[in-house]
Amino acid sequence: MPGTPGAPGRPGARGAHDTSGARGGPGSPGIHGVPGALDTPGAPGSRGAHDTPGAPAGHATPRPPGAPGVKVALSTASVYPESTATAFEIAARLGYDGVEVMVWTDPVSQDVDALRRLSDYHGMPILAVHAPCLLITQRVWSTDPWVKLQRARAAAERLGASTVVVHPPFRWQRSYARDFVRGVWRMADETDVRFAVENMYPWRYRDREMAAYAPDWDVTKEDYRHFTVDLSHAATSRTAALDMARRMGDRLAHVHLGDGNGSAKDEHLVPGRGTQPCAELLHSLAAAGYDKHVVIEVNTRRAMSSAEREADLAEALAFTRRHLAAAASARPSVRA
């Protein structure tokens, strides 16, 4: 059985079976496992209690006045190389509304019972499950990609999550790719859980480009029921993120918020530290009455300490709530 999180009384303690893993080599891309990416999440280094700027340890960051009903979640991938259990601890301390679980090589992320205990212990709802469809998770849960989606749906149903995030198939997964659009529709018809297919990007090396995803990395070219828009991926693909979100329209069901500068690497910067229209997207969502989830999915593996990592995640949360609230307060009030 996969390892379980630490015992009560030790928030965020790592279980006996949490995996340890090496980082990728110099120049590794972001957290989605393209060539040269990080190898195995869950490296040692579970944090202790740290005072965080603007968020004293043990106290949630207060929501700004006027913040709308959008739930702002923390992706467990955002704390790498720390553990899934640590992500719940940090999310609770900083005042996030919940978490999105990235299912990957950390055994806790694969164990629904362990995740439920973490959620209950920290009072952190699990709002979404990210299916294990990265290069580094090809053998997690199964080698059959449809079984992975079935298990992700079952996990979401048991955990009360409304969304399963899924990537389009890799081009070499030919049979899976041929039936992917129809298959996702069939699975969505069997559940109330949303399968939100995420925009990706071409892989680039120097002046060469490889179309690694099928039917296409630009998911708006296909007829999916629900979409996830990821701004870091939009930066990597050099796509106008606001235009992509508009093409998704009312089928935009999930947002991964992270910044980027248009590098060939998938950067997942803290919002506001790159060139992507993070604030503008939040404004447009709030103005349109978007009422689903915005997930902070940023790369903090270069943080020099747990306290620095937590400060980055506090900054990302504050940025998101500030811009959602600003747009909400500008909406005309409805009078009876």
C-alpha atoms as a PDB file:
ATOM      1  CA  MET A   1       0.000   0.000   0.000  1.00  0.00           C
ATOM      2  CA  PRO A   2       1.228   3.540  -0.634  1.00  0.00           C
ATOM      3  CA  GLY A   3       2.523   5.453   2.335  1.00  0.00           C
ATOM      4  CA  THR A   4       0.194   7.637   4.329  1.00  0.00           C
ATOM      5  CA  PRO A   5       0.810  11.179   5.520  1.00  0.00           C
ATOM      6  CA  GLY A   6       2.166  11.999   8.917  1.00  0.00           C
ATOM      7  CA  ALA A   7       0.198  11.336  12.022  1.00  0.00           C
ATOM      8  CA  PRO A   8      -2.117  13.959  13.555  1.00  0.00           C
ATOM      9  CA  GLY A   9      -0.199  16.418  15.664  1.00  0.00           C
ATOM     10  CA  ARG A  10       2.487  16.648  12.980  1.00  0.00           C
ATOM     11  CA  PRO A  11       0.878  18.598  10.131  1.00  0.00           C
ATOM     12  CA  GLY A  12       2.566  17.901   6.832  1.00  0.00           C
ATOM     13  CA  ALA A  13       4.883  15.231   8.182  1.00  0.00           C
ATOM     14  CA  ARG A  14       5.983  12.867   5.472  1.00  0.00           C
ATOM     15  CA  GLY A  15       4.874   9.246   5.514  1.00  0.00           C
ATOM     16  CA  ALA A  16       7.335   6.439   5.712  1.00  0.00           C
ATOM     17  CA  HIS A  17       6.892   5.659   2.038  1.00  0.00           C
ATOM     18  CA  ASP A  18       7.076   9.120   0.467  1.00  0.00           C
ATOM     19  CA  THR A  19       9.382   8.919  -2.504  1.00  0.00           C
ATOM     20  CA  SER A  20      12.634  10.741  -2.855  1.00  0.00           C
ATOM     21  CA  GLY A  21      13.754  11.977  -6.210  1.00  0.00           C
ATOM     22  CA  ALA A  22      16.481  13.751  -8.072  1.00  0.00           C
ATOM     23  CA  ARG A  23      15.958  16.982  -9.895  1.00  0.00           C
ATOM     24  CA  GLY A  24      16.395  17.319 -13.600  1.00  0.00           C
ATOM     25  CA  GLY A  25      19.600  18.621 -15.059  1.00  0.00           C
ATOM     26  CA  PRO A  26      20.452  22.246 -15.767  1.00  0.00           C
ATOM     27  CA  GLY A  27      17.944  24.002 -17.929  1.00  0.00           C
ATOM     28  CA  SER A  28      15.126  21.631 -16.990  1.00  0.00           C
ATOM     29  CA  PRO A  29      11.736  22.836 -18.207  1.00  0.00           C
ATOM     30  CA  GLY A  30       8.788  23.349 -15.899  1.00  0.00           C
ATOM     31  CA  ILE A  31       6.660  20.970 -13.946  1.00  0.00           C
ATOM     32  CA  HIS A  32       4.937  19.102 -16.783  1.00  0.00           C
ATOM     33  CA  GLY A  33       7.631  16.595 -17.666  1.00  0.00           C
ATOM     34  CA  VAL A  34       8.911  17.524 -21.136  1.00  0.00           C
ATOM     35  CA  PRO A  35      12.337  16.140 -22.108  1.00  0.00           C
ATOM     36  CA  GLY A  36      14.897  17.027 -19.474  1.00  0.00           C
ATOM     37  CA  ALA A  37      12.243  17.742 -16.872  1.00  0.00           C
ATOM     38  CA  LEU A  38      12.298  16.873 -13.208  1.00  0.00           C
ATOM     39  CA  ASP A  39      12.550  13.187 -12.558  1.00  0.00           C
ATOM     40  CA  THR A  40      10.776  12.130  -9.403  1.00  0.00           C
ATOM     41  CA  PRO A  41       8.732  14.441  -7.172  1.00  0.00           C
ATOM     42  CA  GLY A  42       8.714  13.960  -3.447  1.00  0.00           C
ATOM     43  CA  ALA A  43      12.334  14.642  -2.527  1.00  0.00           C
ATOM     44  CA  PRO A  44      13.217  14.947   1.151  1.00  0.00           C
ATOM     45  CA  GLY A  45      12.920  18.327   2.749  1.00  0.00           C
ATOM     46  CA  SER A  46       9.561  18.445   4.484  1.00  0.00           C
ATOM     47  CA  ARG A  47       9.198  21.877   5.997  1.00  0.00           C
ATOM     48  CA  GLY A  48       8.732  22.850   9.573  1.00  0.00           C
ATOM     49  CA  ALA A  49       6.641  25.765  10.800  1.00  0.00           C
ATOM     50  CA  HIS A  50       7.791  29.021   9.279  1.00  0.00           C
ATOM     51  CA  ASP A  51       6.493  32.520   9.652  1.00  0.00           C
ATOM     52  CA  THR A  52       5.547  33.728   6.191  1.00  0.00           C
ATOM     53  CA  PRO A  53       5.518  37.395   5.220  1.00  0.00           C
ATOM     54  CA  GLY A  54       1.922  38.539   5.448  1.00  0.00           C
ATOM     55  CA  ALA A  55       0.755  35.190   6.829  1.00  0.00           C
ATOM     56  CA  PRO A  56       1.846  34.272  10.380  1.00  0.00           C
ATOM     57  CA  ALA A  57       2.293  30.541  10.834  1.00  0.00           C
ATOM     58  CA  GLY A  58      -0.925  28.837  11.799  1.00  0.00           C
ATOM     59  CA  HIS A  59      -3.153  31.619  10.479  1.00  0.00           C
ATOM     60  CA  ALA A  60      -4.847  31.861   7.117  1.00  0.00           C
ATOM     61  CA  THR A  61      -4.349  34.917   4.950  1.00  0.00           C
ATOM     62  CA  PRO A  62      -7.568  36.962   5.173  1.00  0.00           C
ATOM     63  CA  ARG A  63      -9.572  37.241   1.980  1.00  0.00           C
ATOM     64  CA  PRO A  64      -9.597  40.787   0.613  1.00  0.00           C
ATOM     65  CA  PRO A  65     -12.925  42.594   0.773  1.00  0.00           C
ATOM     66  CA  GLY A  66     -15.055  42.147  -2.292  1.00  0.00           C
ATOM     67  CA  ALA A  67     -13.417  38.897  -3.444  1.00  0.00           C
ATOM     68  CA  PRO A  68     -15.910  36.929  -5.557  1.00  0.00           C
ATOM     69  CA  GLY A  69     -16.958  33.321  -5.127  1.00  0.00           C
ATOM     70  CA  VAL A  70     -14.166  31.936  -7.300  1.00  0.00           C
ATOM     71  CA  LYS A  71     -12.185  29.354  -5.360  1.00  0.00           C
ATOM     72  CA  VAL A  72      -8.404  29.767  -5.490  1.00  0.00           C
ATOM     73  CA  ALA A  73      -6.608  26.448  -5.083  1.00  0.00           C
ATOM     74  CA  LEU A  74      -2.986  25.396  -4.743  1.00  0.00           C
ATOM     75  CA  SER A  75      -1.652  22.693  -7.020  1.00  0.00           C
ATOM     76  CA  THR A  76       0.339  20.169  -5.016  1.00  0.00           C
ATOM     77  CA  ALA A  77       2.920  20.357  -7.831  1.00  0.00           C
ATOM     78  CA  SER A  78       3.694  23.915  -6.728  1.00  0.00           C
ATOM     79  CA  VAL A  79       5.601  22.782  -3.631  1.00  0.00           C
ATOM     80  CA  TYR A  80       8.021  20.419  -5.421  1.00  0.00           C
ATOM     81  CA  PRO A  81      10.502  19.133  -4.246  1.00  0.00           C
ATOM     82  CA  GLU A  82       8.463  18.944  -1.058  1.00  0.00           C
ATOM     83  CA  SER A  83       5.661  16.449  -0.622  1.00  0.00           C
ATOM     84  CA  THR A  84       1.960  16.264  -1.346  1.00  0.00           C
ATOM     85  CA  ALA A  85       1.340  16.321   2.410  1.00  0.00           C
ATOM     86  CA  THR A  86       3.315  19.560   2.712  1.00  0.00           C
ATOM     87  CA  ALA A  87       1.160  21.157   0.006  1.00  0.00           C
ATOM     88  CA  PHE A  88      -1.946  20.653   2.137  1.00  0.00           C
ATOM     89  CA  GLU A  89      -0.201  22.172   5.153  1.00  0.00           C
ATOM     90  CA  ILE A  90       0.964  25.236   3.226  1.00  0.00           C
ATOM     91  CA  ALA A  91      -2.402  25.715   1.505  1.00  0.00           C
ATOM     92  CA  ALA A  92      -4.173  25.675   4.866  1.00  0.00           C
ATOM     93  CA  ARG A  93      -1.721  28.056   6.516  1.00  0.00           C
ATOM     94  CA  LEU A  94      -1.828  30.589   3.684  1.00  0.00           C
ATOM     95  CA  GLY A  95      -5.601  30.547   3.361  1.00  0.00           C
ATOM     96  CA  TYR A  96      -6.125  28.871   0.006  1.00  0.00           C
ATOM     97  CA  ASP A  97      -9.655  27.631  -0.658  1.00  0.00           C
ATOM     98  CA  GLY A  98      -8.501  24.115  -1.505  1.00  0.00           C
ATOM     99  CA  VAL A  99      -5.988  22.075  -3.457  1.00  0.00           C
ATOM    100  CA  GLU A 100      -5.614  20.418  -6.824  1.00  0.00           C
ATOM    101  CA  VAL A 101      -3.868  17.071  -6.448  1.00  0.00           C
ATOM    102  CA  MET A 102      -1.242  16.322  -9.088  1.00  0.00           C
ATOM    103  CA  VAL A 103      -1.172  12.534  -9.249  1.00  0.00           C
ATOM    104  CA  TRP A 104       2.427  11.572  -9.791  1.00  0.00           C
ATOM    105  CA  THR A 105       5.213   9.505  -8.251  1.00  0.00           C
ATOM    106  CA  ASP A 106       4.651  10.583  -4.631  1.00  0.00           C
ATOM    107  CA  PRO A 107       2.681   7.582  -3.282  1.00  0.00           C
ATOM    108  CA  VAL A 108       0.451   9.836  -1.175  1.00  0.00           C
ATOM    109  CA  SER A 109      -0.803  11.548  -4.342  1.00  0.00           C
ATOM    110  CA  GLN A 110      -1.953   8.143  -5.636  1.00  0.00           C
ATOM    111  CA  ASP A 111      -3.702   7.034  -2.430  1.00  0.00           C
ATOM    112  CA  VAL A 112      -7.299   8.269  -2.180  1.00  0.00           C
ATOM    113  CA  ASP A 113      -7.617   7.312   1.494  1.00  0.00           C
ATOM    114  CA  ALA A 114      -4.424   9.174   2.394  1.00  0.00           C
ATOM    115  CA  LEU A 115      -5.619  12.227   0.445  1.00  0.00           C
ATOM    116  CA  ARG A 116      -8.957  12.158   2.239  1.00  0.00           C
ATOM    117  CA  ARG A 117      -7.180  12.100   5.627  1.00  0.00           C
ATOM    118  CA  LEU A 118      -5.010  15.043   4.609  1.00  0.00           C
ATOM    119  CA  SER A 119      -8.028  16.979   3.385  1.00  0.00           C
ATOM    120  CA  ASP A 120      -9.961  16.328   6.590  1.00  0.00           C
ATOM    121  CA  TYR A 121      -7.019  17.029   8.891  1.00  0.00           C
ATOM    122  CA  HIS A 122      -6.132  20.377   7.309  1.00  0.00           C
ATOM    123  CA  GLY A 123      -9.676  21.403   6.418  1.00  0.00           C
ATOM    124  CA  MET A 124      -8.602  21.734   2.767  1.00  0.00           C
ATOM    125  CA  PRO A 125     -11.115  20.579   0.150  1.00  0.00           C
ATOM    126  CA  ILE A 126      -9.741  18.767  -2.877  1.00  0.00           C
ATOM    127  CA  LEU A 127     -11.219  20.758  -5.749  1.00  0.00           C
ATOM    128  CA  ALA A 128      -9.558  18.985  -8.674  1.00  0.00           C
ATOM    129  CA  VAL A 129      -7.522  15.916  -9.566  1.00  0.00           C
ATOM    130  CA  HIS A 130      -4.822  16.181 -12.232  1.00  0.00           C
ATOM    131  CA  ALA A 131      -4.650  12.839 -14.019  1.00  0.00           C
ATOM    132  CA  PRO A 132      -1.174  11.242 -14.267  1.00  0.00           C
ATOM    133  CA  CYS A 133      -0.486  12.067 -17.918  1.00  0.00           C
ATOM    134  CA  LEU A 134       3.060  13.455 -17.701  1.00  0.00           C
ATOM    135  CA  LEU A 135       6.158  11.805 -19.109  1.00  0.00           C
ATOM    136  CA  ILE A 136       7.286  10.970 -15.582  1.00  0.00           C
ATOM    137  CA  THR A 137       3.939   9.360 -14.695  1.00  0.00           C
ATOM    138  CA  GLN A 138       3.542   6.957 -17.605  1.00  0.00           C
ATOM    139  CA  ARG A 139       3.425   3.989 -15.199  1.00  0.00           C
ATOM    140  CA  VAL A 140       1.445   5.626 -12.375  1.00  0.00           C
ATOM    141  CA  TRP A 141      -1.893   3.839 -11.747  1.00  0.00           C
ATOM    142  CA  SER A 142      -1.568   2.012 -15.085  1.00  0.00           C
ATOM    143  CA  THR A 143       0.201   2.086 -18.430  1.00  0.00           C
ATOM    144  CA  ASP A 144      -3.232   2.259 -20.092  1.00  0.00           C
ATOM    145  CA  PRO A 145      -4.185   5.951 -20.452  1.00  0.00           C
ATOM    146  CA  TRP A 146      -7.926   5.190 -20.328  1.00  0.00           C
ATOM    147  CA  VAL A 147      -7.488   3.357 -17.033  1.00  0.00           C
ATOM    148  CA  LYS A 148      -5.676   6.430 -15.707  1.00  0.00           C
ATOM    149  CA  LEU A 149      -8.672   8.602 -16.596  1.00  0.00           C
ATOM    150  CA  GLN A 150     -11.104   6.122 -15.068  1.00  0.00           C
ATOM    151  CA  ARG A 151      -9.116   6.080 -11.839  1.00  0.00           C
ATOM    152  CA  ALA A 152      -8.855   9.877 -11.838  1.00  0.00           C
ATOM    153  CA  ARG A 153     -12.626  10.118 -12.215  1.00  0.00           C
ATOM    154  CA  ALA A 154     -13.169   7.601  -9.404  1.00  0.00           C
ATOM    155  CA  ALA A 155     -10.747   9.524  -7.166  1.00  0.00           C
ATOM    156  CA  ALA A 156     -12.493  12.817  -7.922  1.00  0.00           C
ATOM    157  CA  GLU A 157     -15.890  11.303  -7.133  1.00  0.00           C
ATOM    158  CA  ARG A 158     -14.684   9.863  -3.814  1.00  0.00           C
ATOM    159  CA  LEU A 159     -12.884  13.055  -2.815  1.00  0.00           C
ATOM    160  CA  GLY A 160     -15.650  15.443  -3.833  1.00  0.00           C
ATOM    161  CA  ALA A 161     -13.559  17.129  -6.543  1.00  0.00           C
ATOM    162  CA  SER A 162     -15.490  18.715  -9.385  1.00  0.00           C
ATOM    163  CA  THR A 163     -12.798  18.512 -12.066  1.00  0.00           C
ATOM    164  CA  VAL A 164     -10.299  16.104 -13.588  1.00  0.00           C
ATOM    165  CA  VAL A 165      -7.553  17.901 -15.510  1.00  0.00           C
ATOM    166  CA  VAL A 166      -6.193  15.944 -18.452  1.00  0.00           C
ATOM    167  CA  HIS A 167      -3.634  16.634 -21.171  1.00  0.00           C
ATOM    168  CA  PRO A 168      -4.150  15.690 -24.808  1.00  0.00           C
ATOM    169  CA  PRO A 169      -2.351  12.442 -25.675  1.00  0.00           C
ATOM    170  CA  PHE A 170       1.272  12.277 -26.712  1.00  0.00           C
ATOM    171  CA  ARG A 171       1.524  11.796 -30.461  1.00  0.00           C
ATOM    172  CA  TRP A 172       3.058   8.327 -30.065  1.00  0.00           C
ATOM    173  CA  GLN A 173      -0.053   7.162 -28.133  1.00  0.00           C
ATOM    174  CA  ARG A 174      -1.725   6.587 -31.483  1.00  0.00           C
ATOM    175  CA  SER A 175      -4.714   4.466 -30.530  1.00  0.00           C
ATOM    176  CA  TYR A 176      -5.495   6.641 -27.503  1.00  0.00           C
ATOM    177  CA  ALA A 177      -5.152   9.807 -29.583  1.00  0.00           C
ATOM    178  CA  ARG A 178      -7.481   8.539 -32.339  1.00  0.00           C
ATOM    179  CA  ASP A 179     -10.363   8.071 -29.904  1.00  0.00           C
ATOM    180  CA  PHE A 180      -9.471  10.754 -27.373  1.00  0.00           C
ATOM    181  CA  VAL A 181     -12.103  13.380 -28.180  1.00  0.00           C
ATOM    182  CA  ARG A 182     -14.951  10.849 -28.420  1.00  0.00           C
ATOM    183  CA  GLY A 183     -13.661   8.928 -25.399  1.00  0.00           C
ATOM    184  CA  VAL A 184     -13.536  11.974 -23.148  1.00  0.00           C
ATOM    185  CA  TRP A 185     -17.106  12.828 -24.160  1.00  0.00           C
ATOM    186  CA  ARG A 186     -18.226   9.279 -23.320  1.00  0.00           C
ATOM    187  CA  MET A 187     -16.576   9.430 -19.905  1.00  0.00           C
ATOM    188  CA  ALA A 188     -18.047  12.877 -19.196  1.00  0.00           C
ATOM    189  CA  ASP A 189     -21.516  11.495 -19.947  1.00  0.00           C
ATOM    190  CA  GLU A 190     -21.077   8.969 -17.122  1.00  0.00           C
ATOM    191  CA  THR A 191     -20.341  11.407 -14.277  1.00  0.00           C
ATOM    192  CA  ASP A 192     -20.904  14.892 -12.897  1.00  0.00           C
ATOM    193  CA  VAL A 193     -17.121  15.365 -12.762  1.00  0.00           C
ATOM    194  CA  ARG A 194     -15.817  17.693 -15.482  1.00  0.00           C
ATOM    195  CA  PHE A 195     -12.983  16.446 -17.706  1.00  0.00           C
ATOM    196  CA  ALA A 196     -11.203  19.719 -18.484  1.00  0.00           C
ATOM    197  CA  VAL A 197      -8.664  19.232 -21.296  1.00  0.00           C
ATOM    198  CA  GLU A 198      -5.635  21.489 -20.943  1.00  0.00           C
ATOM    199  CA  ASN A 199      -3.831  23.499 -23.614  1.00  0.00           C
ATOM    200  CA  MET A 200      -0.244  22.373 -24.140  1.00  0.00           C
ATOM    201  CA  TYR A 201       2.568  23.559 -26.474  1.00  0.00           C
ATOM    202  CA  PRO A 202       4.976  22.359 -29.157  1.00  0.00           C
ATOM    203  CA  TRP A 203       8.339  21.163 -27.898  1.00  0.00           C
ATOM    204  CA  ARG A 204      11.217  23.323 -29.106  1.00  0.00           C
ATOM    205  CA  TYR A 205      14.959  22.855 -29.180  1.00  0.00           C
ATOM    206  CA  ARG A 206      17.006  25.654 -30.712  1.00  0.00           C
ATOM    207  CA  ASP A 207      15.422  26.253 -34.122  1.00  0.00           C
ATOM    208  CA  ARG A 208      13.547  22.950 -34.238  1.00  0.00           C
ATOM    209  CA  GLU A 209       9.947  22.332 -33.204  1.00  0.00           C
ATOM    210  CA  MET A 210       8.157  19.051 -32.508  1.00  0.00           C
ATOM    211  CA  ALA A 211       4.392  18.567 -32.373  1.00  0.00           C
ATOM    212  CA  ALA A 212       4.306  16.255 -29.378  1.00  0.00           C
ATOM    213  CA  TYR A 213       0.554  16.160 -28.718  1.00  0.00           C
ATOM    214  CA  ALA A 214      -2.381  14.764 -30.690  1.00  0.00           C
ATOM    215  CA  PRO A 215      -4.896  15.654 -31.933  1.00  0.00           C
ATOM    216  CA  ASP A 216      -3.246  19.027 -31.196  1.00  0.00           C
ATOM    217  CA  TRP A 217      -1.574  20.965 -28.402  1.00  0.00           C
ATOM    218  CA  ASP A 218      -4.095  23.772 -29.100  1.00  0.00           C
ATOM    219  CA  VAL A 219      -7.132  22.112 -27.568  1.00  0.00           C
ATOM    220  CA  THR A 220      -9.503  24.782 -28.912  1.00  0.00           C
ATOM    221  CA  LYS A 221      -9.198  23.123 -32.320  1.00  0.00           C
ATOM    222  CA  GLU A 222     -11.230  20.177 -31.019  1.00  0.00           C
ATOM    223  CA  ASP A 223     -14.744  19.812 -29.666  1.00  0.00           C
ATOM    224  CA  TYR A 224     -14.171  19.180 -25.960  1.00  0.00           C
ATOM    225  CA  ARG A 225     -16.936  19.690 -23.434  1.00  0.00           C
ATOM    226  CA  HIS A 226     -14.680  21.479 -20.933  1.00  0.00           C
ATOM    227  CA  PHE A 227     -11.289  23.167 -21.079  1.00  0.00           C
ATOM    228  CA  THR A 228      -8.449  24.123 -18.745  1.00  0.00           C
ATOM    229  CA  VAL A 229      -6.487  27.191 -19.775  1.00  0.00           C
ATOM    230  CA  ASP A 230      -2.867  27.298 -18.580  1.00  0.00           C
ATOM    231  CA  LEU A 231      -1.114  30.637 -19.040  1.00  0.00           C
ATOM    232  CA  SER A 232       2.399  29.256 -18.697  1.00  0.00           C
ATOM    233  CA  HIS A 233       1.627  26.818 -21.507  1.00  0.00           C
ATOM    234  CA  ALA A 234       0.223  29.681 -23.572  1.00  0.00           C
ATOM    235  CA  ALA A 235       3.530  31.509 -23.086  1.00  0.00           C
ATOM    236  CA  THR A 236       5.537  28.459 -24.149  1.00  0.00           C
ATOM    237  CA  SER A 237       3.376  27.976 -27.249  1.00  0.00           C
ATOM    238  CA  ARG A 238       3.569  31.735 -27.947  1.00  0.00           C
ATOM    239  CA  THR A 239      -0.203  31.877 -28.096  1.00  0.00           C
ATOM    240  CA  ALA A 240      -2.291  34.885 -27.061  1.00  0.00           C
ATOM    241  CA  ALA A 241      -3.781  33.607 -23.817  1.00  0.00           C
ATOM    242  CA  LEU A 242      -6.781  35.942 -23.777  1.00  0.00           C
ATOM    243  CA  ASP A 243      -7.706  34.947 -27.312  1.00  0.00           C
ATOM    244  CA  MET A 244      -7.436  31.283 -26.372  1.00  0.00           C
ATOM    245  CA  ALA A 245      -9.663  31.815 -23.325  1.00  0.00           C
ATOM    246  CA  ARG A 246     -12.216  33.597 -25.512  1.00  0.00           C
ATOM    247  CA  ARG A 247     -12.231  30.672 -27.938  1.00  0.00           C
ATOM    248  CA  MET A 248     -12.944  28.356 -25.023  1.00  0.00           C
ATOM    249  CA  GLY A 249     -15.931  30.516 -24.119  1.00  0.00           C
ATOM    250  CA  ASP A 250     -18.357  29.112 -21.584  1.00  0.00           C
ATOM    251  CA  ARG A 251     -16.609  25.726 -21.819  1.00  0.00           C
ATOM    252  CA  LEU A 252     -13.667  27.197 -19.868  1.00  0.00           C
ATOM    253  CA  ALA A 253     -14.091  25.275 -16.622  1.00  0.00           C
ATOM    254  CA  HIS A 254     -10.681  25.496 -14.960  1.00  0.00           C
ATOM    255  CA  VAL A 255      -7.680  27.847 -14.866  1.00  0.00           C
ATOM    256  CA  HIS A 256      -4.028  27.103 -14.161  1.00  0.00           C
ATOM    257  CA  LEU A 257      -2.450  30.412 -13.229  1.00  0.00           C
ATOM    258  CA  GLY A 258       1.275  30.771 -13.766  1.00  0.00           C
ATOM    259  CA  ASP A 259       3.333  33.274 -15.710  1.00  0.00           C
ATOM    260  CA  GLY A 260       5.898  32.928 -18.476  1.00  0.00           C
ATOM    261  CA  ASN A 261       8.107  34.906 -20.838  1.00  0.00           C
ATOM    262  CA  GLY A 262       7.678  32.930 -24.058  1.00  0.00           C
ATOM    263  CA  SER A 263      10.680  30.699 -23.421  1.00  0.00           C
ATOM    264  CA  ALA A 264      10.833  27.232 -24.927  1.00  0.00           C
ATOM    265  CA  LYS A 265      10.781  26.033 -21.322  1.00  0.00           C
ATOM    266  CA  ASP A 266       7.470  25.680 -19.498  1.00  0.00           C
ATOM    267  CA  GLU A 267       8.332  28.247 -16.808  1.00  0.00           C
ATOM    268  CA  HIS A 268       5.325  28.409 -14.447  1.00  0.00           C
ATOM    269  CA  LEU A 269       6.454  31.670 -12.868  1.00  0.00           C
ATOM    270  CA  VAL A 270       4.651  33.378 -10.010  1.00  0.00           C
ATOM    271  CA  PRO A 271       1.872  35.489 -11.589  1.00  0.00           C
ATOM    272  CA  GLY A 272       3.115  38.991 -12.309  1.00  0.00           C
ATOM    273  CA  ARG A 273       6.730  37.955 -12.880  1.00  0.00           C
ATOM    274  CA  GLY A 274       6.407  37.271 -16.608  1.00  0.00           C
ATOM    275  CA  THR A 275       4.732  38.740 -19.658  1.00  0.00           C
ATOM    276  CA  GLN A 276       1.439  36.859 -19.636  1.00  0.00           C
ATOM    277  CA  PRO A 277      -1.860  38.714 -19.101  1.00  0.00           C
ATOM    278  CA  CYS A 278      -2.537  37.070 -15.748  1.00  0.00           C
ATOM    279  CA  ALA A 279      -4.234  40.125 -14.239  1.00  0.00           C
ATOM    280  CA  GLU A 280      -6.241  40.774 -17.402  1.00  0.00           C
ATOM    281  CA  LEU A 281      -7.505  37.190 -17.504  1.00  0.00           C
ATOM    282  CA  LEU A 282      -8.593  37.372 -13.864  1.00  0.00           C
ATOM    283  CA  HIS A 283     -10.360  40.676 -14.540  1.00  0.00           C
ATOM    284  CA  SER A 284     -12.221  39.243 -17.520  1.00  0.00           C
ATOM    285  CA  LEU A 285     -13.223  36.098 -15.646  1.00  0.00           C
ATOM    286  CA  ALA A 286     -14.567  38.023 -12.662  1.00  0.00           C
ATOM    287  CA  ALA A 287     -16.362  40.509 -14.899  1.00  0.00           C
ATOM    288  CA  ALA A 288     -18.043  37.630 -16.734  1.00  0.00           C
ATOM    289  CA  GLY A 289     -19.199  36.027 -13.472  1.00  0.00           C
ATOM    290  CA  TYR A 290     -16.840  33.024 -13.671  1.00  0.00           C
ATOM    291  CA  ASP A 291     -17.587  30.880 -10.610  1.00  0.00           C
ATOM    292  CA  LYS A 292     -15.250  27.905 -10.904  1.00  0.00           C
ATOM    293  CA  HIS A 293     -11.632  27.393  -9.840  1.00  0.00           C
ATOM    294  CA  VAL A 294      -8.353  29.222 -10.374  1.00  0.00           C
ATOM    295  CA  VAL A 295      -5.395  27.004  -9.469  1.00  0.00           C
ATOM    296  CA  ILE A 296      -1.950  28.361  -8.650  1.00  0.00           C
ATOM    297  CA  GLU A 297       0.445  26.105 -10.535  1.00  0.00           C
ATOM    298  CA  VAL A 298       3.916  27.612 -10.224  1.00  0.00           C
ATOM    299  CA  ASN A 299       7.454  26.286 -10.155  1.00  0.00           C
ATOM    300  CA  THR A 300       9.181  26.902  -6.801  1.00  0.00           C
ATOM    301  CA  ARG A 301      11.936  24.306  -7.063  1.00  0.00           C
ATOM    302  CA  ARG A 302      14.607  27.038  -7.149  1.00  0.00           C
ATOM    303  CA  ALA A 303      13.503  28.485  -3.805  1.00  0.00           C
ATOM    304  CA  MET A 304      16.456  28.555  -1.427  1.00  0.00           C
ATOM    305  CA  SER A 305      14.362  27.591   1.596  1.00  0.00           C
ATOM    306  CA  SER A 306      10.904  26.435   2.580  1.00  0.00           C
ATOM    307  CA  ALA A 307      10.186  29.953   3.831  1.00  0.00           C
ATOM    308  CA  GLU A 308      11.056  31.416   0.413  1.00  0.00           C
ATOM    309  CA  ARG A 309       8.840  28.856  -1.312  1.00  0.00           C
ATOM    310  CA  GLU A 310       5.961  29.701   0.988  1.00  0.00           C
ATOM    311  CA  ALA A 311       6.462  33.429   0.393  1.00  0.00           C
ATOM    312  CA  ASP A 312       6.174  32.826  -3.371  1.00  0.00           C
ATOM    313  CA  LEU A 313       2.932  30.921  -2.885  1.00  0.00           C
ATOM    314  CA  ALA A 314       1.572  33.647  -0.587  1.00  0.00           C
ATOM    315  CA  GLU A 315       2.434  36.235  -3.251  1.00  0.00           C
ATOM    316  CA  ALA A 316       0.661  34.204  -5.946  1.00  0.00           C
ATOM    317  CA  LEU A 317      -2.465  33.895  -3.799  1.00  0.00           C
ATOM    318  CA  ALA A 318      -2.503  37.593  -2.955  1.00  0.00           C
ATOM    319  CA  PHE A 319      -2.060  38.536  -6.643  1.00  0.00           C
ATOM    320  CA  THR A 320      -4.950  36.297  -7.681  1.00  0.00           C
ATOM    321  CA  ARG A 321      -7.384  37.441  -5.028  1.00  0.00           C
ATOM    322  CA  ARG A 322      -6.468  41.094  -5.529  1.00  0.00           C
ATOM    323  CA  HIS A 323      -7.214  41.054  -9.240  1.00  0.00           C
ATOM    324  CA  LEU A 324     -10.359  38.972  -8.915  1.00  0.00           C
ATOM    325  CA  ALA A 325     -11.621  41.354  -6.233  1.00  0.00           C
ATOM    326  CA  ALA A 326     -10.765  44.479  -8.242  1.00  0.00           C
ATOM    327  CA  ALA A 327     -12.777  43.277 -11.208  1.00  0.00           C
ATOM    328  CA  ALA A 328     -15.673  42.129  -9.031  1.00  0.00           C
ATOM    329  CA  SER A 329     -15.900  45.480  -7.272  1.00  0.00           C
ATOM    330  CA  ALA A 330     -16.068  47.230 -10.647  1.00  0.00           C
ATOM    331  CA  ARG A 331     -19.091  45.196 -11.764  1.00  0.00           C
ATOM    332  CA  PRO A 332     -22.343  47.151 -11.571  1.00  0.00           C
ATOM    333  CA  SER A 333     -24.479  46.113  -8.648  1.00  0.00           C
ATOM    334  CA  VAL A 334     -27.897  44.618  -9.347  1.00  0.00           C
ATOM    335  CA  ARG A 335     -30.690  46.489  -7.611  1.00  0.00           C
ATOM    336  CA  ALA A 336     -34.118  45.061  -6.964  1.00  0.00           C
END
